[in-house]
């Protein structure tokens, strides 16, 4: 199945999980298009100053893979700087948040896999 960018749905979520600003989701595949235990496969864009607030992943894992830009991740209470090529995995009751503290968009892939 080939899906071109023009066929992907885009949604904007305001103040996601208590974060700042807007979060842009480009849903690469929707859950009904994936036959496995994946409930999210999206490219996410955070403009400078925007963030996704802290949230827990129970009975699932979320993976972020940073494509471009820089930011800060709070990985279960440990704050780390992130940039292109970095990968973050959170799950099994752990929490995380991510924010763009740079001056260009922070773009990353996000995948949520159910246990």
Protein backbone atom coordinates (compact mmCIF):
# COMPACT_ATOMS: atom_id res chain seq x y z
CA UNK A 1 0.00 0.00 0.00
CA UNK A 2 1.47 3.30 -1.10
CA UNK A 3 0.16 6.38 0.63
CA UNK A 4 1.27 9.79 -0.57
CA UNK A 5 1.46 12.85 1.69
CA UNK A 6 -1.60 14.35 0.01
CA UNK A 7 -3.60 11.30 1.17
CA UNK A 8 -2.56 11.58 4.81
CA UNK A 9 -4.86 13.29 7.29
CA UNK A 10 -3.53 16.27 9.21
CA UNK A 11 -4.88 17.38 12.56
CA UNK A 12 -3.95 20.19 14.92
CA UNK A 13 -4.31 19.69 18.67
CA UNK A 14 -4.19 22.70 20.98
CA UNK A 15 -2.36 22.55 24.32
CA UNK A 16 -1.96 18.78 24.03
CA UNK A 17 -1.72 17.04 27.40
CA UNK A 18 -1.42 20.46 29.05
CA UNK A 19 1.44 21.57 26.81
CA UNK A 20 1.94 24.91 25.08
CA UNK A 21 0.72 25.94 21.65
CA UNK A 22 -0.39 23.66 18.83
CA UNK A 23 0.77 20.19 17.85
CA UNK A 24 0.52 19.19 14.18
CA UNK A 25 -0.08 15.50 13.44
CA UNK A 26 0.39 14.16 9.94
CA UNK A 27 -1.14 10.71 10.33
CA UNK A 28 0.95 8.52 8.06
CA UNK A 29 -1.34 5.54 8.61
CA UNK A 30 -4.57 5.60 10.62
CA UNK A 31 -5.22 2.77 13.11
CA UNK A 32 -7.82 1.19 10.82
CA UNK A 33 -5.16 0.91 8.07
CA UNK A 34 -2.72 -0.99 10.31
CA UNK A 35 -3.48 -4.63 11.09
CA UNK A 36 -1.10 -4.98 14.04
CA UNK A 37 -1.05 -3.57 17.54
CA UNK A 38 -0.15 -0.03 16.51
CA UNK A 39 -2.53 2.78 17.44
CA UNK A 40 -0.46 5.73 16.19
CA UNK A 41 2.03 6.19 13.36
CA UNK A 42 2.42 9.93 12.72
CA UNK A 43 4.86 12.68 11.93
CA UNK A 44 4.53 15.35 14.60
CA UNK A 45 5.61 18.97 14.28
CA UNK A 46 6.12 21.31 17.23
CA UNK A 47 6.74 24.93 16.33
CA UNK A 48 9.22 26.89 18.52
CA UNK A 49 7.83 27.27 22.05
CA UNK A 50 5.28 24.47 21.62
CA UNK A 51 5.15 21.26 23.65
CA UNK A 52 3.28 18.08 24.51
CA UNK A 53 2.70 17.92 28.26
CA UNK A 54 3.64 15.05 30.54
CA UNK A 55 1.61 11.87 30.14
CA UNK A 56 1.85 8.19 31.07
CA UNK A 57 1.89 5.17 28.76
CA UNK A 58 0.41 2.10 30.44
CA UNK A 59 -0.07 -1.16 28.52
CA UNK A 60 1.68 0.43 25.54
CA UNK A 61 4.95 1.98 24.41
CA UNK A 62 5.51 5.22 22.52
CA UNK A 63 8.61 5.79 20.44
CA UNK A 64 9.76 9.20 19.20
CA UNK A 65 12.38 9.41 16.46
CA UNK A 66 13.67 12.97 15.95
CA UNK A 67 13.92 13.98 12.29
CA UNK A 68 14.85 17.67 12.56
CA UNK A 69 15.07 20.52 15.04
CA UNK A 70 16.03 20.41 18.70
CA UNK A 71 14.10 20.07 21.90
CA UNK A 72 13.92 18.82 25.43
CA UNK A 73 12.41 15.53 26.57
CA UNK A 74 11.39 14.80 30.14
CA UNK A 75 11.92 11.02 30.15
CA UNK A 76 10.25 9.72 33.32
CA UNK A 77 11.65 12.61 35.37
CA UNK A 78 15.03 12.93 33.63
CA UNK A 79 15.35 15.97 31.34
CA UNK A 80 17.52 15.55 28.23
CA UNK A 81 18.23 17.58 25.09
CA UNK A 82 17.31 15.86 21.81
CA UNK A 83 18.10 16.39 18.15
CA UNK A 84 18.08 14.65 14.77
CA UNK A 85 18.70 10.89 14.97
CA UNK A 86 17.79 10.58 18.65
CA UNK A 87 15.16 8.01 19.66
CA UNK A 88 13.10 7.95 22.86
CA UNK A 89 11.00 5.02 24.12
CA UNK A 90 8.46 5.36 26.93
CA UNK A 91 6.10 2.69 28.24
CA UNK A 92 5.08 0.24 30.93
CA UNK A 93 3.72 2.97 33.23
CA UNK A 94 6.48 5.53 32.55
CA UNK A 95 5.82 9.15 31.59
CA UNK A 96 7.29 11.66 29.18
CA UNK A 97 6.86 15.12 27.68
CA UNK A 98 8.59 16.92 24.83
CA UNK A 99 9.08 20.59 24.02
CA UNK A 100 10.65 22.63 21.25
CA UNK A 101 13.16 25.01 22.80
CA UNK A 102 14.84 25.80 19.47
CA UNK A 103 14.14 28.39 16.82
CA UNK A 104 13.01 26.02 14.02
CA UNK A 105 10.22 23.39 13.99
CA UNK A 106 10.91 20.17 15.90
CA UNK A 107 9.77 17.28 13.68
CA UNK A 108 9.63 13.66 14.79
CA UNK A 109 7.97 10.34 14.09
CA UNK A 110 5.72 8.98 16.84
CA UNK A 111 4.63 5.35 17.05
CA UNK A 112 2.42 3.87 19.78
CA UNK A 113 2.49 0.08 20.11
CA UNK A 114 -0.02 -1.73 22.31
CA UNK A 115 1.09 -4.64 24.49
